[in-house]
């Protein structure tokens, strides 16, 4: 019995590694997107981060937890807008999930409290300026997610921020 268990454990250990992250798109009444400025890397981001999958966390749970930690808002998230398979030069591939965080009113915006150890600032950015703030595939991912939100009928399947299929 222990041999089959150790064989299975060895098999699992031999499987490819994939990183997983989840984020939420929040907008204001004018359609601008809430971005956060990390202090630990270049470029801006959506509120979100790594899914704690070793602890049994799902992508949706990870996006909600990260949103609470990063900007202090605990909100039920809407539908899945995009899934992106992102290759990286110095890390395993990453799968990134993007959820609809909904529209924030003035009270919500006033309640934002940044995670000071990780984030420097936040801002609302109009669609046409998003790729000035969001580097590489992230900018394309967010635009595709916004298109899926406007379309209302599909989740965008992406590879490196670009639609597939």
N, C-alpha and C. Protein backbone atom coordinates (compact mmCIF):
# COMPACT_ATOMS: atom_id res chain seq x y z
N UNK A 1 0.83 -1.20 0.00
CA UNK A 1 0.00 0.00 0.00
C UNK A 1 0.87 1.25 0.00
N UNK A 2 1.90 1.30 0.84
CA UNK A 2 2.74 2.48 0.90
C UNK A 2 3.52 2.68 -0.39
N UNK A 3 3.80 1.60 -1.11
CA UNK A 3 4.52 1.72 -2.38
C UNK A 3 3.68 2.49 -3.40
N UNK A 4 2.39 2.15 -3.50
CA UNK A 4 1.55 2.85 -4.46
C UNK A 4 1.37 4.32 -4.07
N UNK A 5 1.29 4.59 -2.77
CA UNK A 5 1.18 5.98 -2.33
C UNK A 5 2.44 6.76 -2.68
N UNK A 6 3.61 6.17 -2.44
CA UNK A 6 4.85 6.88 -2.75
C UNK A 6 5.03 7.00 -4.26
N UNK A 7 4.56 6.00 -5.02
CA UNK A 7 4.62 6.10 -6.49
C UNK A 7 3.75 7.26 -6.97
N UNK A 8 2.57 7.36 -6.39
CA UNK A 8 1.67 8.46 -6.79
C UNK A 8 2.27 9.81 -6.40
N UNK A 9 2.84 9.90 -5.20
CA UNK A 9 3.48 11.15 -4.76
C UNK A 9 4.63 11.52 -5.69
N UNK A 10 5.41 10.52 -6.11
CA UNK A 10 6.51 10.78 -7.05
C UNK A 10 5.96 11.25 -8.40
N UNK A 11 4.87 10.62 -8.82
CA UNK A 11 4.23 11.03 -10.08
C UNK A 11 3.77 12.49 -9.99
N UNK A 12 3.07 12.83 -8.92
CA UNK A 12 2.58 14.21 -8.74
C UNK A 12 3.75 15.18 -8.72
N UNK A 13 4.83 14.82 -8.01
CA UNK A 13 6.00 15.70 -7.93
C UNK A 13 6.66 15.89 -9.29
N UNK A 14 6.46 14.93 -10.20
CA UNK A 14 7.09 15.04 -11.52
C UNK A 14 6.27 15.87 -12.50
N UNK A 15 5.04 16.21 -12.15
CA UNK A 15 4.17 16.95 -13.07
C UNK A 15 4.67 18.37 -13.28
N UNK A 16 4.36 18.96 -14.44
CA UNK A 16 4.76 20.34 -14.70
C UNK A 16 4.15 21.30 -13.69
N UNK A 17 4.84 22.39 -13.44
CA UNK A 17 4.37 23.43 -12.52
C UNK A 17 3.72 24.56 -13.31
N UNK A 18 2.63 25.07 -12.77
CA UNK A 18 1.94 26.23 -13.33
C UNK A 18 1.62 27.17 -12.18
N UNK A 19 1.92 28.44 -12.34
CA UNK A 19 1.54 29.45 -11.36
C UNK A 19 0.12 29.91 -11.67
N UNK A 20 -0.60 30.38 -10.67
CA UNK A 20 -1.97 30.84 -10.89
C UNK A 20 -2.21 32.14 -10.14
N UNK A 21 -2.82 33.09 -10.83
CA UNK A 21 -3.17 34.37 -10.23
C UNK A 21 -4.59 34.75 -10.57
N UNK A 22 -5.16 35.64 -9.77
CA UNK A 22 -6.54 36.10 -10.01
C UNK A 22 -6.65 37.56 -9.63
N UNK A 23 -7.46 38.28 -10.39
CA UNK A 23 -7.62 39.72 -10.18
C UNK A 23 -9.06 40.12 -10.49
N UNK A 24 -9.39 41.34 -10.12
CA UNK A 24 -10.73 41.88 -10.38
C UNK A 24 -10.62 43.22 -11.08
N UNK A 25 -11.54 43.44 -12.01
CA UNK A 25 -11.67 44.74 -12.67
C UNK A 25 -12.78 45.50 -11.98
N UNK A 26 -12.40 46.62 -11.35
CA UNK A 26 -13.36 47.54 -10.75
C UNK A 26 -13.40 48.79 -11.62
N UNK A 27 -14.60 49.35 -11.79
CA UNK A 27 -14.76 50.56 -12.59
C UNK A 27 -15.51 51.60 -11.80
N UNK A 28 -15.34 52.86 -12.20
CA UNK A 28 -16.17 53.91 -11.63
C UNK A 28 -17.35 54.14 -12.58
N UNK A 29 -18.23 55.07 -12.23
CA UNK A 29 -19.43 55.31 -13.02
C UNK A 29 -19.11 55.74 -14.44
N UNK A 30 -17.94 56.33 -14.65
CA UNK A 30 -17.52 56.76 -15.98
C UNK A 30 -16.80 55.68 -16.77
N UNK A 31 -16.67 54.48 -16.21
CA UNK A 31 -16.04 53.38 -16.92
C UNK A 31 -14.53 53.29 -16.76
N UNK A 32 -13.96 54.21 -15.97
CA UNK A 32 -12.51 54.13 -15.75
C UNK A 32 -12.20 52.92 -14.87
N UNK A 33 -11.03 52.33 -15.08
CA UNK A 33 -10.62 51.11 -14.40
C UNK A 33 -9.69 51.44 -13.24
N UNK A 34 -9.94 50.80 -12.09
CA UNK A 34 -9.10 50.99 -10.91
C UNK A 34 -7.81 50.19 -11.08
N UNK A 35 -6.67 50.88 -11.04
CA UNK A 35 -5.36 50.25 -11.09
C UNK A 35 -4.60 50.56 -9.81
N UNK A 36 -3.73 49.63 -9.43
CA UNK A 36 -2.87 49.82 -8.26
C UNK A 36 -1.41 49.82 -8.72
N UNK A 37 -0.58 50.55 -7.99
CA UNK A 37 0.84 50.67 -8.31
C UNK A 37 1.66 49.86 -7.30
N UNK A 38 2.18 48.70 -7.73
CA UNK A 38 3.00 47.90 -6.81
C UNK A 38 4.34 48.58 -6.54
N UNK A 39 4.85 48.39 -5.34
CA UNK A 39 6.15 48.94 -4.99
C UNK A 39 7.29 47.99 -5.29
N UNK A 40 6.99 46.77 -5.72
CA UNK A 40 8.01 45.73 -5.87
C UNK A 40 8.33 45.40 -7.32
N UNK A 41 7.68 46.08 -8.28
CA UNK A 41 7.98 45.83 -9.70
C UNK A 41 7.50 47.01 -10.53
N UNK A 42 7.95 47.06 -11.77
CA UNK A 42 7.55 48.14 -12.68
C UNK A 42 6.12 47.93 -13.14
N UNK A 43 5.48 49.01 -13.54
CA UNK A 43 4.14 48.94 -14.09
C UNK A 43 3.05 48.89 -13.02
N UNK A 44 1.83 49.06 -13.47
CA UNK A 44 0.65 49.03 -12.62
C UNK A 44 -0.04 47.69 -12.77
N UNK A 45 -1.09 47.47 -12.00
CA UNK A 45 -1.79 46.18 -12.01
C UNK A 45 -3.24 46.37 -11.60
N UNK A 46 -4.01 45.31 -11.79
CA UNK A 46 -5.34 45.22 -11.19
C UNK A 46 -5.17 44.75 -9.76
N UNK A 47 -6.12 45.06 -8.87
CA UNK A 47 -6.09 44.43 -7.55
C UNK A 47 -6.19 42.91 -7.72
N UNK A 48 -5.26 42.19 -7.14
CA UNK A 48 -5.24 40.75 -7.27
C UNK A 48 -3.88 40.20 -6.92
N UNK A 49 -3.69 38.91 -7.16
CA UNK A 49 -2.41 38.31 -6.85
C UNK A 49 -2.47 36.80 -6.97
N UNK A 50 -1.57 36.15 -6.27
CA UNK A 50 -1.40 34.71 -6.34
C UNK A 50 -2.54 33.97 -5.65
N UNK A 51 -3.04 32.94 -6.30
CA UNK A 51 -4.04 32.06 -5.71
C UNK A 51 -3.33 31.11 -4.76
N UNK A 52 -3.77 31.04 -3.53
CA UNK A 52 -3.16 30.16 -2.52
C UNK A 52 -3.70 28.75 -2.70
N UNK A 53 -3.36 28.14 -3.83
CA UNK A 53 -3.93 26.84 -4.19
C UNK A 53 -3.48 25.73 -3.24
N UNK A 54 -2.29 25.85 -2.67
CA UNK A 54 -1.84 24.83 -1.70
C UNK A 54 -2.75 24.80 -0.47
N UNK A 55 -3.46 25.90 -0.21
CA UNK A 55 -4.37 25.97 0.92
C UNK A 55 -5.82 25.69 0.51
N UNK A 56 -6.02 25.27 -0.75
CA UNK A 56 -7.36 24.93 -1.22
C UNK A 56 -8.15 26.11 -1.76
N UNK A 57 -7.48 27.25 -1.95
CA UNK A 57 -8.18 28.44 -2.43
C UNK A 57 -8.48 28.33 -3.93
N UNK A 58 -9.68 28.73 -4.33
CA UNK A 58 -10.06 28.75 -5.74
C UNK A 58 -9.67 30.10 -6.35
N UNK A 59 -9.67 30.21 -7.69
CA UNK A 59 -9.37 31.50 -8.31
C UNK A 59 -10.31 32.62 -7.83
N UNK A 60 -11.59 32.34 -7.76
CA UNK A 60 -12.55 33.37 -7.31
C UNK A 60 -12.27 33.79 -5.87
N UNK A 61 -12.01 32.81 -5.00
CA UNK A 61 -11.67 33.13 -3.61
C UNK A 61 -10.38 33.94 -3.53
N UNK A 62 -9.40 33.58 -4.35
CA UNK A 62 -8.12 34.29 -4.36
C UNK A 62 -8.29 35.74 -4.78
N UNK A 63 -9.08 35.97 -5.82
CA UNK A 63 -9.31 37.34 -6.28
C UNK A 63 -9.99 38.17 -5.19
N UNK A 64 -10.97 37.57 -4.50
CA UNK A 64 -11.67 38.31 -3.44
C UNK A 64 -10.74 38.59 -2.26
N UNK A 65 -9.96 37.58 -1.85
CA UNK A 65 -9.04 37.77 -0.72
C UNK A 65 -7.98 38.82 -1.07
N UNK A 66 -7.41 38.74 -2.25
CA UNK A 66 -6.38 39.70 -2.64
C UNK A 66 -6.94 41.12 -2.73
N UNK A 67 -8.17 41.24 -3.21
CA UNK A 67 -8.81 42.56 -3.27
C UNK A 67 -8.98 43.14 -1.87
N UNK A 68 -9.41 42.31 -0.95
CA UNK A 68 -9.56 42.77 0.44
C UNK A 68 -8.19 43.19 1.00
N UNK A 69 -7.18 42.35 0.79
CA UNK A 69 -5.85 42.66 1.32
C UNK A 69 -5.25 43.91 0.69
N UNK A 70 -5.42 44.05 -0.63
CA UNK A 70 -4.73 45.13 -1.33
C UNK A 70 -5.42 46.48 -1.25
N UNK A 71 -6.76 46.48 -1.35
CA UNK A 71 -7.45 47.77 -1.37
C UNK A 71 -8.51 47.90 -0.28
N UNK A 72 -8.67 46.89 0.55
CA UNK A 72 -9.56 47.00 1.69
C UNK A 72 -11.04 46.85 1.37
N UNK A 73 -11.39 46.40 0.18
CA UNK A 73 -12.79 46.21 -0.18
C UNK A 73 -13.09 44.72 -0.26
N UNK A 74 -14.09 44.28 0.48
CA UNK A 74 -14.52 42.89 0.46
C UNK A 74 -15.83 42.83 -0.30
N UNK A 75 -15.76 42.41 -1.55
CA UNK A 75 -16.92 42.44 -2.42
C UNK A 75 -17.11 41.10 -3.11
N UNK A 76 -18.38 40.72 -3.26
CA UNK A 76 -18.72 39.56 -4.07
C UNK A 76 -18.35 39.89 -5.52
N UNK A 77 -17.63 39.00 -6.17
CA UNK A 77 -17.20 39.27 -7.54
C UNK A 77 -18.21 38.74 -8.53
N UNK A 78 -18.29 39.38 -9.67
CA UNK A 78 -19.17 38.97 -10.74
C UNK A 78 -18.55 37.86 -11.58
N UNK A 79 -18.94 37.81 -12.81
CA UNK A 79 -18.55 36.68 -13.65
C UNK A 79 -17.08 36.71 -14.07
N UNK A 80 -16.60 35.55 -14.48
CA UNK A 80 -15.25 35.41 -15.00
C UNK A 80 -15.22 36.05 -16.39
N UNK A 81 -14.33 37.03 -16.56
CA UNK A 81 -14.25 37.76 -17.82
C UNK A 81 -13.17 37.22 -18.74
N UNK A 82 -12.05 36.78 -18.18
CA UNK A 82 -10.94 36.32 -19.02
C UNK A 82 -10.09 35.31 -18.28
N UNK A 83 -9.51 34.38 -19.05
CA UNK A 83 -8.50 33.45 -18.58
C UNK A 83 -7.33 33.57 -19.55
N UNK A 84 -6.14 33.82 -19.01
CA UNK A 84 -4.97 34.08 -19.85
C UNK A 84 -3.85 33.11 -19.47
N UNK A 85 -3.29 32.45 -20.46
CA UNK A 85 -2.13 31.57 -20.30
C UNK A 85 -0.92 32.40 -20.68
N UNK A 86 -0.05 32.66 -19.71
CA UNK A 86 1.06 33.60 -19.92
C UNK A 86 2.40 32.90 -19.72
N UNK A 87 3.19 32.88 -20.78
CA UNK A 87 4.54 32.32 -20.70
C UNK A 87 5.48 33.39 -20.15
N UNK A 88 6.45 32.96 -19.36
CA UNK A 88 7.42 33.89 -18.79
C UNK A 88 8.83 33.35 -18.98
N UNK A 89 9.80 34.24 -19.17
CA UNK A 89 11.16 33.77 -19.44
C UNK A 89 11.85 33.13 -18.23
N UNK A 90 11.55 33.59 -17.03
CA UNK A 90 12.27 33.14 -15.84
C UNK A 90 11.36 32.50 -14.80
N UNK A 91 10.23 31.95 -15.24
CA UNK A 91 9.29 31.34 -14.32
C UNK A 91 8.43 30.34 -15.09
N UNK A 92 7.75 29.45 -14.35
CA UNK A 92 6.80 28.55 -15.04
C UNK A 92 5.67 29.37 -15.68
N UNK A 93 4.92 28.76 -16.58
CA UNK A 93 3.75 29.46 -17.14
C UNK A 93 2.79 29.86 -16.02
N UNK A 94 2.01 30.89 -16.29
CA UNK A 94 1.02 31.36 -15.33
C UNK A 94 -0.35 31.37 -16.00
N UNK A 95 -1.36 30.96 -15.26
CA UNK A 95 -2.73 31.14 -15.71
C UNK A 95 -3.31 32.27 -14.86
N UNK A 96 -3.90 33.26 -15.54
CA UNK A 96 -4.43 34.44 -14.85
C UNK A 96 -5.93 34.54 -15.10
N UNK A 97 -6.69 34.64 -14.01
CA UNK A 97 -8.14 34.76 -14.05
C UNK A 97 -8.51 36.21 -13.77
N UNK A 98 -9.46 36.75 -14.53
CA UNK A 98 -9.92 38.12 -14.31
C UNK A 98 -11.43 38.11 -14.14
N UNK A 99 -11.89 38.65 -13.00
CA UNK A 99 -13.31 38.71 -12.65
C UNK A 99 -13.84 40.13 -12.72
N UNK A 100 -15.14 40.23 -12.89
CA UNK A 100 -15.82 41.53 -12.84
C UNK A 100 -16.02 41.93 -11.38
N UNK A 101 -15.38 43.03 -10.99
CA UNK A 101 -15.54 43.54 -9.63
C UNK A 101 -16.71 44.50 -9.49
N UNK A 102 -17.27 44.92 -10.61
CA UNK A 102 -18.41 45.82 -10.58
C UNK A 102 -18.01 47.29 -10.60
N UNK A 103 -19.02 48.12 -10.37
CA UNK A 103 -18.84 49.57 -10.40
C UNK A 103 -18.74 50.09 -8.97
N UNK A 104 -17.73 50.89 -8.72
CA UNK A 104 -17.53 51.49 -7.40
C UNK A 104 -18.12 52.89 -7.38
N UNK A 105 -18.90 53.20 -6.34
CA UNK A 105 -19.43 54.56 -6.20
C UNK A 105 -18.44 55.38 -5.35
N UNK A 106 -18.80 56.63 -5.10
CA UNK A 106 -17.90 57.52 -4.37
C UNK A 106 -17.58 57.00 -2.97
N UNK A 107 -18.57 56.40 -2.30
CA UNK A 107 -18.33 55.83 -0.97
C UNK A 107 -17.32 54.69 -1.03
N UNK A 108 -17.47 53.82 -2.05
CA UNK A 108 -16.52 52.71 -2.23
C UNK A 108 -15.11 53.25 -2.46
N UNK A 109 -15.00 54.23 -3.35
CA UNK A 109 -13.67 54.79 -3.65
C UNK A 109 -13.06 55.43 -2.41
N UNK A 110 -13.90 56.07 -1.59
CA UNK A 110 -13.41 56.68 -0.36
C UNK A 110 -13.00 55.67 0.69
N UNK A 111 -13.50 54.43 0.54
CA UNK A 111 -13.18 53.38 1.52
C UNK A 111 -11.92 52.59 1.16
N UNK A 112 -11.31 52.89 0.01
CA UNK A 112 -10.11 52.16 -0.40
C UNK A 112 -8.99 52.44 0.59
N UNK A 113 -8.39 51.36 1.07
CA UNK A 113 -7.23 51.43 1.97
C UNK A 113 -6.16 50.54 1.40
N UNK A 114 -5.06 51.13 0.94
CA UNK A 114 -4.01 50.36 0.28
C UNK A 114 -3.21 49.52 1.26
N UNK A 115 -2.77 48.37 0.79
CA UNK A 115 -1.84 47.52 1.52
C UNK A 115 -0.47 48.19 1.44
N UNK A 116 -0.10 48.88 2.50
CA UNK A 116 1.07 49.76 2.45
C UNK A 116 2.39 49.04 2.22
N UNK A 117 2.46 47.76 2.58
CA UNK A 117 3.72 47.03 2.38
C UNK A 117 3.96 46.66 0.92
N UNK A 118 2.90 46.67 0.09
CA UNK A 118 3.05 46.26 -1.30
C UNK A 118 2.70 47.34 -2.31
N UNK A 119 1.78 48.24 -1.97
CA UNK A 119 1.26 49.18 -2.96
C UNK A 119 1.62 50.63 -2.61
N UNK A 120 1.93 51.39 -3.67
CA UNK A 120 2.29 52.80 -3.51
C UNK A 120 1.09 53.72 -3.69
N UNK A 121 0.20 53.39 -4.64
CA UNK A 121 -0.92 54.28 -4.94
C UNK A 121 -1.96 53.53 -5.77
N UNK A 122 -3.08 54.21 -6.02
CA UNK A 122 -4.11 53.70 -6.91
C UNK A 122 -4.62 54.86 -7.74
N UNK A 123 -5.23 54.54 -8.87
CA UNK A 123 -5.82 55.57 -9.72
C UNK A 123 -6.86 54.96 -10.63
N UNK A 124 -7.72 55.80 -11.15
CA UNK A 124 -8.73 55.40 -12.13
C UNK A 124 -8.23 55.80 -13.51
N UNK A 125 -8.23 54.86 -14.44
CA UNK A 125 -7.63 55.07 -15.75
C UNK A 125 -8.65 54.77 -16.84
N UNK A 126 -8.83 55.71 -17.80
CA UNK A 126 -9.74 55.42 -18.91
C UNK A 126 -9.18 54.33 -19.82
N UNK A 127 -10.07 53.63 -20.49
CA UNK A 127 -9.69 52.50 -21.35
C UNK A 127 -8.55 52.86 -22.29
N UNK A 128 -8.63 54.02 -22.94
CA UNK A 128 -7.64 54.36 -23.96
C UNK A 128 -6.23 54.58 -23.40
N UNK A 129 -6.11 54.69 -22.09
CA UNK A 129 -4.79 54.88 -21.48
C UNK A 129 -4.28 53.64 -20.74
N UNK A 130 -5.06 52.57 -20.71
CA UNK A 130 -4.70 51.40 -19.90
C UNK A 130 -3.34 50.81 -20.29
N UNK A 131 -3.06 50.70 -21.59
CA UNK A 131 -1.80 50.08 -21.98
C UNK A 131 -0.60 50.98 -21.71
N UNK A 132 -0.83 52.24 -21.35
CA UNK A 132 0.28 53.10 -20.90
C UNK A 132 0.72 52.71 -19.48
N UNK A 133 -0.19 52.12 -18.71
CA UNK A 133 0.07 51.77 -17.31
C UNK A 133 0.34 50.27 -17.12
N UNK A 134 -0.35 49.45 -17.92
CA UNK A 134 -0.27 48.00 -17.76
C UNK A 134 0.69 47.44 -18.80
N UNK A 135 1.79 46.88 -18.34
CA UNK A 135 2.86 46.44 -19.23
C UNK A 135 2.57 45.08 -19.85
N UNK A 136 3.07 44.87 -21.05
CA UNK A 136 3.05 43.57 -21.72
C UNK A 136 1.66 43.00 -21.89
N UNK A 137 1.56 41.70 -21.62
CA UNK A 137 0.29 40.99 -21.86
C UNK A 137 -0.81 41.45 -20.92
N UNK A 138 -0.45 42.04 -19.77
CA UNK A 138 -1.48 42.47 -18.82
C UNK A 138 -2.41 43.52 -19.43
N UNK A 139 -1.86 44.47 -20.15
CA UNK A 139 -2.69 45.49 -20.80
C UNK A 139 -3.68 44.88 -21.77
N UNK A 140 -3.21 43.94 -22.58
CA UNK A 140 -4.08 43.26 -23.54
C UNK A 140 -5.13 42.41 -22.82
N UNK A 141 -4.73 41.78 -21.72
CA UNK A 141 -5.66 40.96 -20.93
C UNK A 141 -6.81 41.82 -20.40
N UNK A 142 -6.48 42.98 -19.87
CA UNK A 142 -7.51 43.85 -19.31
C UNK A 142 -8.44 44.37 -20.41
N UNK A 143 -7.89 44.73 -21.56
CA UNK A 143 -8.74 45.19 -22.67
C UNK A 143 -9.67 44.06 -23.13
N UNK A 144 -9.15 42.85 -23.23
CA UNK A 144 -9.99 41.71 -23.63
C UNK A 144 -11.08 41.44 -22.58
N UNK A 145 -10.74 41.59 -21.30
CA UNK A 145 -11.73 41.40 -20.25
C UNK A 145 -12.81 42.47 -20.33
N UNK A 146 -12.43 43.70 -20.61
CA UNK A 146 -13.42 44.77 -20.77
C UNK A 146 -14.32 44.51 -21.97
N UNK A 147 -13.75 43.98 -23.05
CA UNK A 147 -14.57 43.63 -24.21
C UNK A 147 -15.56 42.52 -23.85
N UNK A 148 -15.10 41.52 -23.09
CA UNK A 148 -15.99 40.43 -22.67
C UNK A 148 -17.09 40.98 -21.76
N UNK A 149 -16.75 41.94 -20.92
CA UNK A 149 -17.74 42.56 -20.05
C UNK A 149 -18.80 43.28 -20.88
N UNK A 150 -18.36 44.04 -21.88
CA UNK A 150 -19.29 44.78 -22.73
C UNK A 150 -20.13 43.84 -23.57
N UNK A 151 -19.52 42.75 -24.05
CA UNK A 151 -20.19 41.77 -24.89
C UNK A 151 -21.25 41.01 -24.10
N UNK A 152 -20.93 40.68 -22.86
CA UNK A 152 -21.90 40.06 -21.96
C UNK A 152 -22.17 38.59 -22.16
N UNK A 153 -21.57 37.96 -23.18
CA UNK A 153 -21.96 36.59 -23.47
C UNK A 153 -20.81 35.59 -23.41
N UNK A 154 -19.59 36.04 -23.17
CA UNK A 154 -18.49 35.09 -23.25
C UNK A 154 -17.38 35.45 -22.27
N UNK A 155 -16.55 34.45 -21.99
CA UNK A 155 -15.31 34.65 -21.27
C UNK A 155 -14.19 34.64 -22.31
N UNK A 156 -13.29 35.59 -22.25
CA UNK A 156 -12.19 35.65 -23.21
C UNK A 156 -11.15 34.59 -22.87
N UNK A 157 -10.80 33.76 -23.83
CA UNK A 157 -9.71 32.81 -23.69
C UNK A 157 -8.49 33.42 -24.36
N UNK A 158 -7.43 33.60 -23.58
CA UNK A 158 -6.26 34.34 -24.05
C UNK A 158 -4.98 33.52 -23.89
N UNK A 159 -4.00 33.83 -24.72
CA UNK A 159 -2.63 33.36 -24.55
C UNK A 159 -1.75 34.58 -24.66
N UNK A 160 -1.01 34.86 -23.61
CA UNK A 160 -0.15 36.05 -23.55
C UNK A 160 -0.93 37.31 -23.88
N UNK A 161 -2.17 37.38 -23.38
CA UNK A 161 -3.00 38.55 -23.54
C UNK A 161 -3.75 38.65 -24.84
N UNK A 162 -3.56 37.70 -25.75
CA UNK A 162 -4.19 37.76 -27.06
C UNK A 162 -5.26 36.68 -27.19
N UNK A 163 -6.41 37.02 -27.79
CA UNK A 163 -7.48 36.03 -27.95
C UNK A 163 -7.04 34.84 -28.78
N UNK A 164 -7.54 33.66 -28.42
CA UNK A 164 -7.30 32.45 -29.19
C UNK A 164 -8.65 31.85 -29.57
N UNK A 165 -8.62 31.01 -30.58
CA UNK A 165 -9.83 30.29 -30.99
C UNK A 165 -10.79 31.09 -31.80
